[in-house]
């Protein structure tokens, strides 16, 4: 396999892993992210289907829901506030919610895995290239 194609595949794999870690609503990943990072996040489709969700308004921006907790509108979407676990440090929450940070660590993991299995020339340089490509993709609004 040509080196450029290998690096392109590594960038896409790192981007996909970053997307899974930061934004996807796959239940086990969402549960873990809620415990580690907390904060405001949009309601998932499943949460909207299961619960009658009152719409916050300008008069009452925060609505208390018995099952979902505190709700508010952010950018036209209903969001809920999730508290992170007490044992989760603040810096870990920052690392998990930052697209640049997440893609950096996951790019390092992908680079190490590929270097150990297939081999890559100059792994540190490849890691930097994979990190840059994955972070650029992960930080886009459409991503």
N, C-alpha and C. Protein backbone atom coordinates (compact mmCIF):
# COMPACT_ATOMS: atom_id res chain seq x y z
N UNK A 1 0.85 -1.18 0.00
CA UNK A 1 0.00 0.00 0.00
C UNK A 1 0.90 1.24 0.00
N UNK A 2 0.62 2.20 -0.85
CA UNK A 2 1.43 3.43 -0.86
C UNK A 2 1.30 4.18 0.48
N UNK A 3 2.37 4.84 0.87
CA UNK A 3 2.39 5.54 2.15
C UNK A 3 1.32 6.61 2.23
N UNK A 4 1.10 7.35 1.13
CA UNK A 4 0.10 8.43 1.16
C UNK A 4 -1.29 7.87 1.40
N UNK A 5 -1.60 6.69 0.84
CA UNK A 5 -2.91 6.07 1.04
C UNK A 5 -3.05 5.57 2.47
N UNK A 6 -1.98 5.02 3.01
CA UNK A 6 -1.99 4.57 4.40
C UNK A 6 -2.25 5.75 5.35
N UNK A 7 -1.59 6.87 5.11
CA UNK A 7 -1.79 8.05 5.95
C UNK A 7 -3.21 8.60 5.79
N UNK A 8 -3.73 8.59 4.57
CA UNK A 8 -5.11 9.04 4.35
C UNK A 8 -6.10 8.15 5.10
N UNK A 9 -5.88 6.85 5.08
CA UNK A 9 -6.75 5.93 5.82
C UNK A 9 -6.62 6.14 7.33
N UNK A 10 -5.40 6.43 7.79
CA UNK A 10 -5.20 6.70 9.22
C UNK A 10 -5.92 7.98 9.63
N UNK A 11 -5.89 9.01 8.77
CA UNK A 11 -6.60 10.26 9.06
C UNK A 11 -8.10 10.00 9.17
N UNK A 12 -8.66 9.25 8.24
CA UNK A 12 -10.09 8.96 8.28
C UNK A 12 -10.46 8.10 9.50
N UNK A 13 -9.61 7.14 9.84
CA UNK A 13 -9.88 6.31 11.02
C UNK A 13 -9.83 7.15 12.30
N UNK A 14 -8.86 8.05 12.38
CA UNK A 14 -8.75 8.92 13.56
C UNK A 14 -9.93 9.88 13.64
N UNK A 15 -10.35 10.40 12.49
CA UNK A 15 -11.52 11.28 12.46
C UNK A 15 -12.75 10.53 12.95
N UNK A 16 -12.96 9.32 12.45
CA UNK A 16 -14.14 8.55 12.84
C UNK A 16 -14.13 8.21 14.32
N UNK A 17 -12.98 7.86 14.84
CA UNK A 17 -12.87 7.58 16.28
C UNK A 17 -13.11 8.85 17.09
N UNK A 18 -12.63 9.99 16.60
CA UNK A 18 -12.86 11.26 17.29
C UNK A 18 -14.35 11.60 17.29
N UNK A 19 -15.00 11.38 16.18
CA UNK A 19 -16.44 11.65 16.07
C UNK A 19 -17.21 10.76 17.04
N UNK A 20 -16.84 9.49 17.11
CA UNK A 20 -17.49 8.57 18.03
C UNK A 20 -17.31 9.04 19.47
N UNK A 21 -16.11 9.46 19.82
CA UNK A 21 -15.83 9.86 21.20
C UNK A 21 -16.51 11.18 21.58
N UNK A 22 -16.68 12.10 20.62
CA UNK A 22 -17.17 13.43 20.96
C UNK A 22 -18.65 13.67 20.69
N UNK A 23 -19.20 13.12 19.62
CA UNK A 23 -20.53 13.55 19.20
C UNK A 23 -21.56 12.45 19.05
N UNK A 24 -21.15 11.25 18.72
CA UNK A 24 -22.13 10.20 18.44
C UNK A 24 -22.97 9.89 19.67
N UNK A 25 -24.19 9.40 19.43
CA UNK A 25 -25.11 9.10 20.52
C UNK A 25 -25.26 7.59 20.74
N UNK A 26 -24.26 6.83 20.34
CA UNK A 26 -24.25 5.40 20.62
C UNK A 26 -24.30 5.24 22.13
N UNK A 27 -25.32 4.54 22.66
CA UNK A 27 -25.60 4.58 24.11
C UNK A 27 -24.42 4.34 25.05
N UNK A 28 -23.58 3.31 24.86
CA UNK A 28 -22.48 3.15 25.82
C UNK A 28 -21.48 4.31 25.78
N UNK A 29 -21.22 4.83 24.59
CA UNK A 29 -20.28 5.95 24.46
C UNK A 29 -20.89 7.21 25.05
N UNK A 30 -22.19 7.46 24.80
CA UNK A 30 -22.87 8.63 25.34
C UNK A 30 -22.90 8.57 26.87
N UNK A 31 -23.17 7.40 27.43
CA UNK A 31 -23.20 7.25 28.88
C UNK A 31 -21.83 7.58 29.48
N UNK A 32 -20.77 7.05 28.86
CA UNK A 32 -19.42 7.30 29.37
C UNK A 32 -19.05 8.77 29.23
N UNK A 33 -19.37 9.37 28.08
CA UNK A 33 -19.07 10.79 27.87
C UNK A 33 -19.83 11.67 28.86
N UNK A 34 -21.10 11.32 29.15
CA UNK A 34 -21.86 12.08 30.14
C UNK A 34 -21.20 12.01 31.51
N UNK A 35 -20.69 10.85 31.88
CA UNK A 35 -20.06 10.69 33.19
C UNK A 35 -18.71 11.40 33.26
N UNK A 36 -17.95 11.39 32.17
CA UNK A 36 -16.62 11.97 32.18
C UNK A 36 -16.62 13.47 31.92
N UNK A 37 -17.52 13.96 31.06
CA UNK A 37 -17.47 15.37 30.67
C UNK A 37 -18.62 16.18 31.24
N UNK A 38 -19.83 15.65 31.20
CA UNK A 38 -20.99 16.40 31.67
C UNK A 38 -21.25 17.63 30.82
N UNK A 39 -22.05 18.56 31.36
CA UNK A 39 -22.34 19.81 30.68
C UNK A 39 -23.61 19.74 29.85
N UNK A 40 -23.85 20.80 29.08
CA UNK A 40 -25.02 20.87 28.21
C UNK A 40 -24.79 20.03 26.96
N UNK A 41 -25.80 19.25 26.60
CA UNK A 41 -25.74 18.49 25.36
C UNK A 41 -27.14 18.38 24.77
N UNK A 42 -27.24 18.31 23.43
CA UNK A 42 -28.56 18.18 22.81
C UNK A 42 -29.22 16.86 23.20
N UNK A 43 -30.55 16.88 23.26
CA UNK A 43 -31.28 15.65 23.53
C UNK A 43 -31.10 14.70 22.35
N UNK A 44 -31.00 13.42 22.65
CA UNK A 44 -30.93 12.43 21.58
C UNK A 44 -32.35 12.19 21.05
N UNK A 45 -32.43 11.58 19.88
CA UNK A 45 -33.74 11.26 19.32
C UNK A 45 -34.52 10.33 20.24
N UNK A 46 -33.83 9.39 20.85
CA UNK A 46 -34.48 8.43 21.76
C UNK A 46 -35.06 9.14 22.98
N UNK A 47 -34.32 10.10 23.53
CA UNK A 47 -34.82 10.86 24.68
C UNK A 47 -36.06 11.66 24.31
N UNK A 48 -36.08 12.24 23.12
CA UNK A 48 -37.25 13.00 22.69
C UNK A 48 -38.44 12.10 22.44
N UNK A 49 -38.20 10.87 21.96
CA UNK A 49 -39.29 9.93 21.72
C UNK A 49 -39.88 9.40 23.02
N UNK A 50 -39.04 9.10 24.00
CA UNK A 50 -39.49 8.48 25.25
C UNK A 50 -40.19 9.44 26.20
N UNK A 51 -39.82 10.71 26.17
CA UNK A 51 -40.32 11.66 27.16
C UNK A 51 -41.04 12.81 26.47
N UNK A 52 -42.13 13.25 27.10
CA UNK A 52 -42.79 14.47 26.62
C UNK A 52 -41.91 15.64 27.05
N UNK A 53 -41.31 16.31 26.07
CA UNK A 53 -40.33 17.34 26.37
C UNK A 53 -40.98 18.72 26.23
N UNK A 54 -41.09 19.46 27.33
CA UNK A 54 -41.63 20.82 27.22
C UNK A 54 -40.60 21.73 26.55
N UNK A 55 -41.07 22.67 25.77
CA UNK A 55 -40.18 23.59 25.07
C UNK A 55 -39.89 24.81 25.93
N UNK A 56 -38.63 25.07 26.24
CA UNK A 56 -38.29 26.30 26.95
C UNK A 56 -38.66 27.51 26.09
N UNK A 57 -38.96 28.63 26.73
CA UNK A 57 -39.34 29.84 26.01
C UNK A 57 -38.48 31.00 26.48
N UNK A 58 -38.69 32.17 25.88
CA UNK A 58 -37.95 33.36 26.31
C UNK A 58 -38.34 33.77 27.72
N UNK A 59 -39.62 33.54 28.08
CA UNK A 59 -40.08 33.89 29.43
C UNK A 59 -39.48 32.97 30.48
N UNK A 60 -39.38 31.70 30.14
CA UNK A 60 -38.83 30.70 31.06
C UNK A 60 -37.76 29.90 30.31
N UNK A 61 -36.49 30.39 30.33
CA UNK A 61 -35.45 29.74 29.52
C UNK A 61 -35.03 28.37 30.02
N UNK A 62 -35.22 28.09 31.31
CA UNK A 62 -34.85 26.79 31.87
C UNK A 62 -36.10 26.08 32.36
N UNK A 63 -36.26 24.83 31.92
CA UNK A 63 -37.41 24.03 32.31
C UNK A 63 -36.90 22.81 33.04
N UNK A 64 -37.55 22.47 34.13
CA UNK A 64 -37.17 21.28 34.91
C UNK A 64 -38.03 20.11 34.47
N UNK A 65 -37.40 19.03 34.04
CA UNK A 65 -38.10 17.81 33.62
C UNK A 65 -37.80 16.73 34.64
N UNK A 66 -38.81 15.95 35.06
CA UNK A 66 -38.57 14.94 36.10
C UNK A 66 -37.55 13.86 35.73
N UNK A 67 -37.50 13.47 34.48
CA UNK A 67 -36.58 12.40 34.07
C UNK A 67 -35.30 12.93 33.45
N UNK A 68 -35.37 14.06 32.77
CA UNK A 68 -34.22 14.56 32.03
C UNK A 68 -33.45 15.66 32.74
N UNK A 69 -34.00 16.22 33.79
CA UNK A 69 -33.31 17.28 34.51
C UNK A 69 -33.59 18.65 33.91
N UNK A 70 -32.62 19.53 33.94
CA UNK A 70 -32.78 20.89 33.47
C UNK A 70 -32.64 20.95 31.95
N UNK A 71 -33.61 21.60 31.30
CA UNK A 71 -33.61 21.75 29.85
C UNK A 71 -33.56 23.22 29.48
N UNK A 72 -32.95 23.52 28.35
CA UNK A 72 -32.93 24.86 27.79
C UNK A 72 -32.73 24.78 26.29
N UNK A 73 -32.97 25.90 25.60
CA UNK A 73 -32.73 25.97 24.16
C UNK A 73 -31.36 26.56 23.90
N UNK A 74 -30.58 25.88 23.08
CA UNK A 74 -29.27 26.38 22.63
C UNK A 74 -29.24 26.20 21.13
N UNK A 75 -29.10 27.29 20.41
CA UNK A 75 -29.08 27.28 18.93
C UNK A 75 -30.32 26.60 18.36
N UNK A 76 -31.47 26.82 18.98
CA UNK A 76 -32.72 26.28 18.47
C UNK A 76 -32.99 24.83 18.80
N UNK A 77 -32.10 24.17 19.53
CA UNK A 77 -32.28 22.76 19.92
C UNK A 77 -32.42 22.66 21.42
N UNK A 78 -33.28 21.75 21.85
CA UNK A 78 -33.45 21.52 23.28
C UNK A 78 -32.24 20.76 23.80
N UNK A 79 -31.62 21.29 24.86
CA UNK A 79 -30.44 20.69 25.46
C UNK A 79 -30.74 20.35 26.91
N UNK A 80 -30.05 19.35 27.41
CA UNK A 80 -30.17 18.99 28.82
C UNK A 80 -28.82 19.12 29.49
N UNK A 81 -28.85 19.39 30.80
CA UNK A 81 -27.61 19.50 31.54
C UNK A 81 -27.34 18.18 32.23
N UNK A 82 -26.14 17.65 32.02
CA UNK A 82 -25.73 16.39 32.63
C UNK A 82 -24.53 16.67 33.53
N UNK A 83 -24.61 16.24 34.75
CA UNK A 83 -23.49 16.43 35.69
C UNK A 83 -22.47 15.32 35.49
N UNK A 84 -21.21 15.71 35.46
CA UNK A 84 -20.17 14.69 35.33
C UNK A 84 -19.98 14.02 36.69
N UNK A 85 -19.37 12.87 36.67
CA UNK A 85 -19.12 12.11 37.89
C UNK A 85 -18.16 12.89 38.80
N UNK A 86 -18.31 12.73 40.09
CA UNK A 86 -17.46 13.45 41.04
C UNK A 86 -16.00 13.07 40.91
N UNK A 87 -15.73 11.86 40.50
CA UNK A 87 -14.35 11.40 40.40
C UNK A 87 -13.68 11.85 39.10
N UNK A 88 -14.45 12.43 38.17
CA UNK A 88 -13.90 12.86 36.88
C UNK A 88 -13.32 14.27 37.01
N UNK A 89 -12.02 14.44 36.81
CA UNK A 89 -11.41 15.77 36.96
C UNK A 89 -11.81 16.71 35.81
N UNK A 90 -11.74 17.99 36.08
CA UNK A 90 -12.12 19.01 35.10
C UNK A 90 -11.30 18.90 33.82
N UNK A 91 -10.00 18.65 33.95
CA UNK A 91 -9.15 18.60 32.76
C UNK A 91 -9.53 17.46 31.83
N UNK A 92 -10.03 16.35 32.39
CA UNK A 92 -10.46 15.23 31.56
C UNK A 92 -11.70 15.62 30.75
N UNK A 93 -12.61 16.37 31.37
CA UNK A 93 -13.79 16.86 30.66
C UNK A 93 -13.38 17.77 29.50
N UNK A 94 -12.36 18.59 29.72
CA UNK A 94 -11.87 19.46 28.65
C UNK A 94 -11.26 18.64 27.51
N UNK A 95 -10.50 17.63 27.84
CA UNK A 95 -9.87 16.80 26.80
C UNK A 95 -10.89 16.04 25.97
N UNK A 96 -11.99 15.63 26.59
CA UNK A 96 -12.99 14.83 25.89
C UNK A 96 -13.87 15.69 24.98
N UNK A 97 -14.07 16.95 25.31
CA UNK A 97 -14.97 17.80 24.53
C UNK A 97 -14.24 18.65 23.49
N UNK A 98 -12.93 18.64 23.47
CA UNK A 98 -12.15 19.45 22.53
C UNK A 98 -11.80 18.60 21.31
N UNK A 99 -12.27 18.99 20.10
CA UNK A 99 -11.98 18.16 18.93
C UNK A 99 -10.49 18.03 18.63
N UNK A 100 -9.72 19.06 18.91
CA UNK A 100 -8.28 19.00 18.67
C UNK A 100 -7.61 18.03 19.63
N UNK A 101 -8.02 18.09 20.90
CA UNK A 101 -7.41 17.22 21.91
C UNK A 101 -7.74 15.75 21.67
N UNK A 102 -9.02 15.47 21.46
CA UNK A 102 -9.45 14.08 21.24
C UNK A 102 -8.78 13.49 20.01
N UNK A 103 -8.74 14.28 18.93
CA UNK A 103 -8.13 13.75 17.71
C UNK A 103 -6.63 13.54 17.88
N UNK A 104 -5.99 14.32 18.74
CA UNK A 104 -4.56 14.13 18.99
C UNK A 104 -4.27 12.81 19.68
N UNK A 105 -5.02 12.51 20.74
CA UNK A 105 -4.79 11.26 21.46
C UNK A 105 -5.18 10.05 20.63
N UNK A 106 -6.29 10.16 19.93
CA UNK A 106 -6.72 9.02 19.11
C UNK A 106 -5.81 8.84 17.89
N UNK A 107 -5.27 9.93 17.35
CA UNK A 107 -4.31 9.82 16.26
C UNK A 107 -3.03 9.13 16.73
N UNK A 108 -2.63 9.42 17.94
CA UNK A 108 -1.46 8.74 18.51
C UNK A 108 -1.72 7.24 18.64
N UNK A 109 -2.91 6.89 19.09
CA UNK A 109 -3.25 5.47 19.23
C UNK A 109 -3.28 4.77 17.87
N UNK A 110 -3.87 5.42 16.88
CA UNK A 110 -3.92 4.84 15.53
C UNK A 110 -2.52 4.69 14.96
N UNK A 111 -1.69 5.71 15.16
CA UNK A 111 -0.32 5.67 14.64
C UNK A 111 0.49 4.54 15.29
N UNK A 112 0.35 4.38 16.59
CA UNK A 112 1.05 3.30 17.28
C UNK A 112 0.55 1.94 16.78
N UNK A 113 -0.76 1.79 16.63
CA UNK A 113 -1.31 0.51 16.17
C UNK A 113 -0.82 0.18 14.77
N UNK A 114 -0.82 1.17 13.87
CA UNK A 114 -0.37 0.93 12.50
C UNK A 114 1.14 0.68 12.47
N UNK A 115 1.89 1.44 13.28
CA UNK A 115 3.35 1.25 13.32
C UNK A 115 3.72 -0.15 13.80
N UNK A 116 2.96 -0.68 14.75
CA UNK A 116 3.25 -2.01 15.27
C UNK A 116 2.80 -3.13 14.34
N UNK A 117 1.77 -2.90 13.54
CA UNK A 117 1.26 -3.95 12.67
C UNK A 117 1.82 -3.87 11.25
N UNK A 118 1.71 -2.73 10.62
CA UNK A 118 2.13 -2.58 9.23
C UNK A 118 3.48 -1.91 9.11
N UNK A 119 3.70 -0.92 9.97
CA UNK A 119 4.92 -0.13 9.93
C UNK A 119 4.70 1.15 9.15
N UNK A 120 5.19 2.23 9.68
CA UNK A 120 5.12 3.52 9.01
C UNK A 120 6.49 4.19 9.10
N UNK A 121 6.87 4.94 8.08
CA UNK A 121 8.13 5.67 8.18
C UNK A 121 7.96 6.89 9.08
N UNK A 122 8.92 7.14 9.94
CA UNK A 122 8.92 8.31 10.84
C UNK A 122 7.59 8.45 11.58
N UNK A 123 7.30 7.55 12.52
CA UNK A 123 6.00 7.56 13.19
C UNK A 123 5.63 8.88 13.86
N UNK A 124 6.59 9.60 14.40
CA UNK A 124 6.26 10.87 15.06
C UNK A 124 5.76 11.88 14.03
N UNK A 125 6.39 11.93 12.87
CA UNK A 125 5.94 12.84 11.81
C UNK A 125 4.58 12.40 11.26
N UNK A 126 4.39 11.11 11.12
CA UNK A 126 3.10 10.61 10.65
C UNK A 126 2.01 10.94 11.66
N UNK A 127 2.31 10.81 12.95
CA UNK A 127 1.34 11.16 13.98
C UNK A 127 0.92 12.62 13.85
N UNK A 128 1.87 13.51 13.65
CA UNK A 128 1.54 14.92 13.48
C UNK A 128 0.66 15.17 12.27
N UNK A 129 0.95 14.48 11.17
CA UNK A 129 0.14 14.65 9.96
C UNK A 129 -1.27 14.08 10.15
N UNK A 130 -1.35 12.92 10.78
CA UNK A 130 -2.66 12.30 11.03
C UNK A 130 -3.46 13.17 11.99
N UNK A 131 -2.82 13.68 13.01
CA UNK A 131 -3.49 14.55 13.98
C UNK A 131 -4.03 15.79 13.29
N UNK A 132 -3.22 16.43 12.46
CA UNK A 132 -3.65 17.65 11.77
C UNK A 132 -4.85 17.36 10.87
N UNK A 133 -4.78 16.29 10.10
CA UNK A 133 -5.89 15.97 9.20
C UNK A 133 -7.16 15.61 9.94
N UNK A 134 -7.04 14.78 10.98
CA UNK A 134 -8.22 14.37 11.75
C UNK A 134 -8.82 15.55 12.51
N UNK A 135 -7.98 16.41 13.06
CA UNK A 135 -8.49 17.57 13.81
C UNK A 135 -9.19 18.55 12.89
N UNK A 136 -8.66 18.74 11.70
CA UNK A 136 -9.32 19.65 10.75
C UNK A 136 -10.69 19.12 10.36
N UNK A 137 -10.79 17.82 10.14
CA UNK A 137 -12.09 17.23 9.83
C UNK A 137 -13.05 17.30 11.02
N UNK A 138 -12.55 16.95 12.22
CA UNK A 138 -13.41 16.89 13.40
C UNK A 138 -13.90 18.26 13.86
N UNK A 139 -13.18 19.31 13.56
CA UNK A 139 -13.56 20.64 14.04
C UNK A 139 -14.56 21.35 13.12
N UNK A 140 -14.88 20.76 11.99
CA UNK A 140 -15.84 21.38 11.05
C UNK A 140 -17.25 21.27 11.60
N UNK A 141 -18.08 22.27 11.31
CA UNK A 141 -19.47 22.27 11.74
C UNK A 141 -20.25 21.12 11.13
N UNK A 142 -19.97 20.78 9.88
CA UNK A 142 -20.72 19.73 9.19
C UNK A 142 -20.29 18.34 9.61
N UNK A 143 -19.19 18.25 10.34
CA UNK A 143 -18.66 16.94 10.72
C UNK A 143 -19.42 16.35 11.89
